[in-house]
N, C-alpha and C. Protein backbone atom coordinates (compact mmCIF):
# COMPACT_ATOMS: atom_id res chain seq x y z
N UNK A 1 7.10 -87.43 57.14
CA UNK A 1 6.56 -87.79 58.38
C UNK A 1 5.75 -89.01 58.31
N UNK A 2 5.89 -90.01 59.25
CA UNK A 2 5.32 -91.20 59.17
C UNK A 2 3.83 -91.18 59.19
N UNK A 3 3.09 -92.20 58.73
CA UNK A 3 1.62 -92.23 58.72
C UNK A 3 1.12 -92.68 60.13
N UNK A 4 1.91 -93.31 60.84
CA UNK A 4 1.59 -93.65 62.16
C UNK A 4 2.78 -93.37 63.16
N UNK A 5 2.46 -93.31 64.40
CA UNK A 5 3.43 -92.99 65.40
C UNK A 5 3.30 -94.27 66.47
N UNK A 6 4.42 -94.75 66.80
CA UNK A 6 4.41 -95.88 67.69
C UNK A 6 5.38 -95.64 68.82
N UNK A 7 4.93 -95.34 69.96
CA UNK A 7 5.78 -95.16 71.16
C UNK A 7 5.38 -96.04 72.33
N UNK A 8 6.41 -96.63 73.00
CA UNK A 8 6.07 -97.47 74.17
C UNK A 8 5.52 -96.63 75.34
N UNK A 9 4.63 -97.23 76.15
CA UNK A 9 3.96 -96.64 77.26
C UNK A 9 4.44 -97.40 78.44
N UNK A 10 4.58 -96.82 79.67
CA UNK A 10 4.70 -97.51 80.88
C UNK A 10 3.40 -97.37 81.60
N UNK A 11 2.83 -98.55 81.96
CA UNK A 11 1.65 -98.48 82.75
C UNK A 11 1.75 -99.15 84.05
N UNK A 12 1.49 -98.38 85.14
CA UNK A 12 1.63 -98.86 86.46
C UNK A 12 0.39 -98.64 87.31
N UNK A 13 0.09 -99.40 88.33
CA UNK A 13 -1.00 -99.22 89.23
C UNK A 13 -0.54 -98.27 90.37
N UNK A 14 -1.30 -97.25 90.69
CA UNK A 14 -0.91 -96.42 91.88
C UNK A 14 -1.56 -97.08 93.10
N UNK A 15 -1.44 -96.36 94.27
CA UNK A 15 -1.84 -96.80 95.52
C UNK A 15 -3.48 -96.66 95.59
N UNK A 16 -4.11 -96.03 94.68
CA UNK A 16 -5.44 -96.00 94.66
C UNK A 16 -6.07 -97.00 93.63
N UNK A 17 -5.13 -97.69 92.89
CA UNK A 17 -5.72 -98.77 92.03
C UNK A 17 -5.85 -98.24 90.68
N UNK A 18 -5.55 -96.97 90.29
CA UNK A 18 -5.70 -96.40 89.05
C UNK A 18 -4.31 -96.83 88.24
N UNK A 19 -4.74 -96.91 86.92
CA UNK A 19 -3.69 -97.21 85.99
C UNK A 19 -2.91 -95.95 85.53
N UNK A 20 -1.73 -95.74 85.84
CA UNK A 20 -0.97 -94.53 85.46
C UNK A 20 -0.12 -94.88 84.33
N UNK A 21 -0.24 -93.89 83.27
CA UNK A 21 0.55 -94.08 82.02
C UNK A 21 1.46 -93.00 81.80
N UNK A 22 2.64 -93.32 81.42
CA UNK A 22 3.66 -92.33 80.97
C UNK A 22 4.30 -92.87 79.68
N UNK A 23 4.93 -91.86 78.90
CA UNK A 23 5.77 -92.22 77.79
C UNK A 23 7.19 -91.69 78.01
N UNK A 24 8.01 -92.68 78.43
CA UNK A 24 9.43 -92.26 78.75
C UNK A 24 10.15 -91.66 77.77
N UNK A 25 9.97 -91.97 76.51
CA UNK A 25 10.65 -91.32 75.41
C UNK A 25 10.61 -89.70 75.41
N UNK A 26 9.45 -89.31 75.81
CA UNK A 26 9.14 -87.90 75.84
C UNK A 26 9.65 -87.15 77.07
N UNK A 27 9.70 -87.86 78.22
CA UNK A 27 10.26 -87.32 79.56
C UNK A 27 9.23 -86.43 80.11
N UNK A 28 8.05 -86.24 79.67
CA UNK A 28 6.99 -85.37 80.34
C UNK A 28 5.67 -85.86 79.94
N UNK A 29 4.68 -85.56 80.66
CA UNK A 29 3.29 -85.94 80.50
C UNK A 29 3.06 -87.17 81.19
N UNK A 30 1.76 -87.26 81.86
CA UNK A 30 1.24 -88.44 82.54
C UNK A 30 -0.29 -88.39 82.39
N UNK A 31 -0.92 -89.50 82.44
CA UNK A 31 -2.28 -89.71 82.38
C UNK A 31 -2.69 -90.97 83.17
N UNK A 32 -3.88 -91.04 83.45
CA UNK A 32 -4.38 -92.28 84.15
C UNK A 32 -5.79 -92.66 83.88
N UNK A 33 -6.20 -93.81 84.34
CA UNK A 33 -7.60 -94.21 84.24
C UNK A 33 -7.93 -95.20 85.32
N UNK A 34 -9.18 -95.26 85.67
CA UNK A 34 -9.57 -96.36 86.75
C UNK A 34 -9.43 -97.75 86.23
N UNK A 35 -9.89 -97.81 84.88
CA UNK A 35 -9.81 -99.13 84.29
C UNK A 35 -8.67 -98.99 83.28
N UNK A 36 -8.13 -100.26 82.90
CA UNK A 36 -7.10 -100.14 81.80
C UNK A 36 -7.57 -99.64 80.51
N UNK A 37 -8.82 -99.94 80.12
CA UNK A 37 -9.31 -99.37 78.83
C UNK A 37 -9.33 -97.99 78.92
N UNK A 38 -9.91 -97.32 80.02
CA UNK A 38 -9.84 -95.93 80.19
C UNK A 38 -8.47 -95.28 80.21
N UNK A 39 -7.53 -95.92 80.78
CA UNK A 39 -6.24 -95.49 80.84
C UNK A 39 -5.56 -95.46 79.43
N UNK A 40 -5.94 -96.42 78.54
CA UNK A 40 -5.33 -96.60 77.20
C UNK A 40 -5.98 -95.51 76.38
N UNK A 41 -7.28 -95.28 76.62
CA UNK A 41 -7.90 -94.19 75.83
C UNK A 41 -7.27 -92.88 76.22
N UNK A 42 -6.99 -92.53 77.50
CA UNK A 42 -6.49 -91.30 77.85
C UNK A 42 -4.94 -91.34 77.36
N UNK A 43 -4.23 -92.41 77.41
CA UNK A 43 -2.87 -92.51 76.86
C UNK A 43 -2.86 -92.09 75.46
N UNK A 44 -3.65 -92.61 74.55
CA UNK A 44 -3.70 -92.21 73.15
C UNK A 44 -3.92 -90.68 72.94
N UNK A 45 -4.76 -90.17 73.80
CA UNK A 45 -4.93 -88.75 73.75
C UNK A 45 -3.75 -87.99 74.22
N UNK A 46 -3.09 -88.45 75.15
CA UNK A 46 -1.88 -87.84 75.73
C UNK A 46 -0.79 -87.88 74.75
N UNK A 47 -0.61 -89.10 74.09
CA UNK A 47 0.45 -89.24 72.96
C UNK A 47 0.18 -88.26 71.86
N UNK A 48 -1.10 -88.13 71.47
CA UNK A 48 -1.27 -87.16 70.40
C UNK A 48 -0.82 -85.76 70.78
N UNK A 49 -1.07 -85.43 72.06
CA UNK A 49 -0.79 -84.04 72.49
C UNK A 49 0.72 -83.90 72.73
N UNK A 50 1.42 -84.86 73.12
CA UNK A 50 2.76 -84.91 73.19
C UNK A 50 3.51 -84.74 71.82
N UNK A 51 2.94 -85.48 70.87
CA UNK A 51 3.48 -85.31 69.43
C UNK A 51 3.19 -83.97 68.91
N UNK A 52 1.94 -83.60 68.94
CA UNK A 52 1.57 -82.32 68.43
C UNK A 52 2.28 -81.11 69.09
N UNK A 53 2.42 -81.11 70.38
CA UNK A 53 3.09 -80.09 71.04
C UNK A 53 4.64 -79.95 70.71
N UNK A 54 5.12 -81.09 70.51
CA UNK A 54 6.68 -81.18 70.17
C UNK A 54 6.70 -80.57 68.68
N UNK A 55 5.86 -81.06 67.76
CA UNK A 55 5.94 -80.51 66.47
C UNK A 55 5.62 -79.00 66.48
N UNK A 56 4.57 -78.54 67.09
CA UNK A 56 4.18 -77.14 67.09
C UNK A 56 5.30 -76.22 67.72
N UNK A 57 5.97 -76.72 68.66
CA UNK A 57 7.11 -75.96 69.26
C UNK A 57 8.37 -76.02 68.54
N UNK A 58 8.44 -76.78 67.31
CA UNK A 58 9.58 -76.83 66.49
C UNK A 58 10.60 -77.83 67.08
N UNK A 59 10.30 -78.63 67.95
CA UNK A 59 11.15 -79.72 68.46
C UNK A 59 11.19 -80.98 67.51
N UNK A 60 12.17 -81.82 67.74
CA UNK A 60 12.26 -83.01 67.08
C UNK A 60 11.60 -84.04 67.94
N UNK A 61 10.90 -85.05 67.23
CA UNK A 61 10.20 -86.12 67.81
C UNK A 61 11.34 -87.13 68.24
N UNK A 62 11.27 -87.67 69.59
CA UNK A 62 12.18 -88.53 69.94
C UNK A 62 12.02 -89.88 69.15
N UNK A 63 13.08 -90.61 69.09
CA UNK A 63 13.07 -91.92 68.41
C UNK A 63 12.48 -92.94 69.41
N UNK A 64 11.50 -93.54 68.99
CA UNK A 64 10.87 -94.48 69.86
C UNK A 64 11.85 -95.69 70.40
N UNK A 65 11.79 -95.87 71.63
CA UNK A 65 12.60 -97.02 72.22
C UNK A 65 11.67 -98.15 72.28
N UNK A 66 12.19 -99.31 72.44
CA UNK A 66 11.51 -100.52 72.54
C UNK A 66 11.93 -101.30 73.72
N UNK A 67 11.04 -101.94 74.53
CA UNK A 67 11.31 -102.80 75.59
C UNK A 67 10.16 -103.84 75.82
N UNK A 68 10.48 -104.92 76.22
CA UNK A 68 9.58 -105.99 76.31
C UNK A 68 8.66 -105.65 77.61
N UNK A 69 9.09 -104.82 78.48
CA UNK A 69 8.34 -104.44 79.61
C UNK A 69 7.26 -103.14 79.43
N UNK A 70 7.35 -102.58 78.23
CA UNK A 70 6.57 -101.50 77.92
C UNK A 70 5.55 -101.90 76.73
N UNK A 71 4.28 -101.45 76.84
CA UNK A 71 3.34 -101.68 75.77
C UNK A 71 3.43 -100.57 74.78
N UNK A 72 3.59 -100.86 73.49
CA UNK A 72 3.60 -99.81 72.44
C UNK A 72 2.13 -99.31 72.10
N UNK A 73 2.00 -98.03 72.06
CA UNK A 73 0.68 -97.54 71.58
C UNK A 73 0.86 -96.96 70.18
N UNK A 74 0.02 -97.21 69.29
CA UNK A 74 0.10 -96.74 67.96
C UNK A 74 -1.21 -95.83 67.71
N UNK A 75 -0.76 -94.58 67.19
CA UNK A 75 -1.81 -93.73 66.72
C UNK A 75 -1.62 -93.26 65.38
N UNK A 76 -2.69 -93.08 64.59
CA UNK A 76 -2.49 -92.53 63.21
C UNK A 76 -2.22 -91.06 63.21
N UNK A 77 -1.46 -90.64 62.12
CA UNK A 77 -1.09 -89.29 62.08
C UNK A 77 -2.23 -88.29 61.87
N UNK A 78 -3.21 -88.72 61.09
CA UNK A 78 -4.25 -87.82 60.70
C UNK A 78 -4.97 -87.03 61.88
N UNK A 79 -5.14 -87.75 62.95
CA UNK A 79 -5.96 -87.02 64.08
C UNK A 79 -5.28 -85.88 64.70
N UNK A 80 -3.92 -85.75 64.45
CA UNK A 80 -3.16 -84.74 65.14
C UNK A 80 -3.68 -83.41 64.59
N UNK A 81 -3.81 -82.47 65.67
CA UNK A 81 -4.42 -81.06 65.17
C UNK A 81 -3.17 -80.19 65.64
N UNK A 82 -2.46 -79.66 64.77
CA UNK A 82 -1.32 -78.67 65.14
C UNK A 82 -1.90 -77.46 65.18
């Protein structure tokens, strides 16, 4: 298992001005934040949960896709609590 996980995030503004973050490689899970910094903090928490849940349920982690329109988020492996 890698020491870090690097998955691209899609970040869009909704009609209320919040930054909405998804991870298309997983196909589920969404988070948001009023500021971009808040949204990125929440996105890292969501990514940890997506990875941990996938592993805990015996699934295979999706291969990260890369696109110039998506911002990659990197989290270390150690904080994952399975």
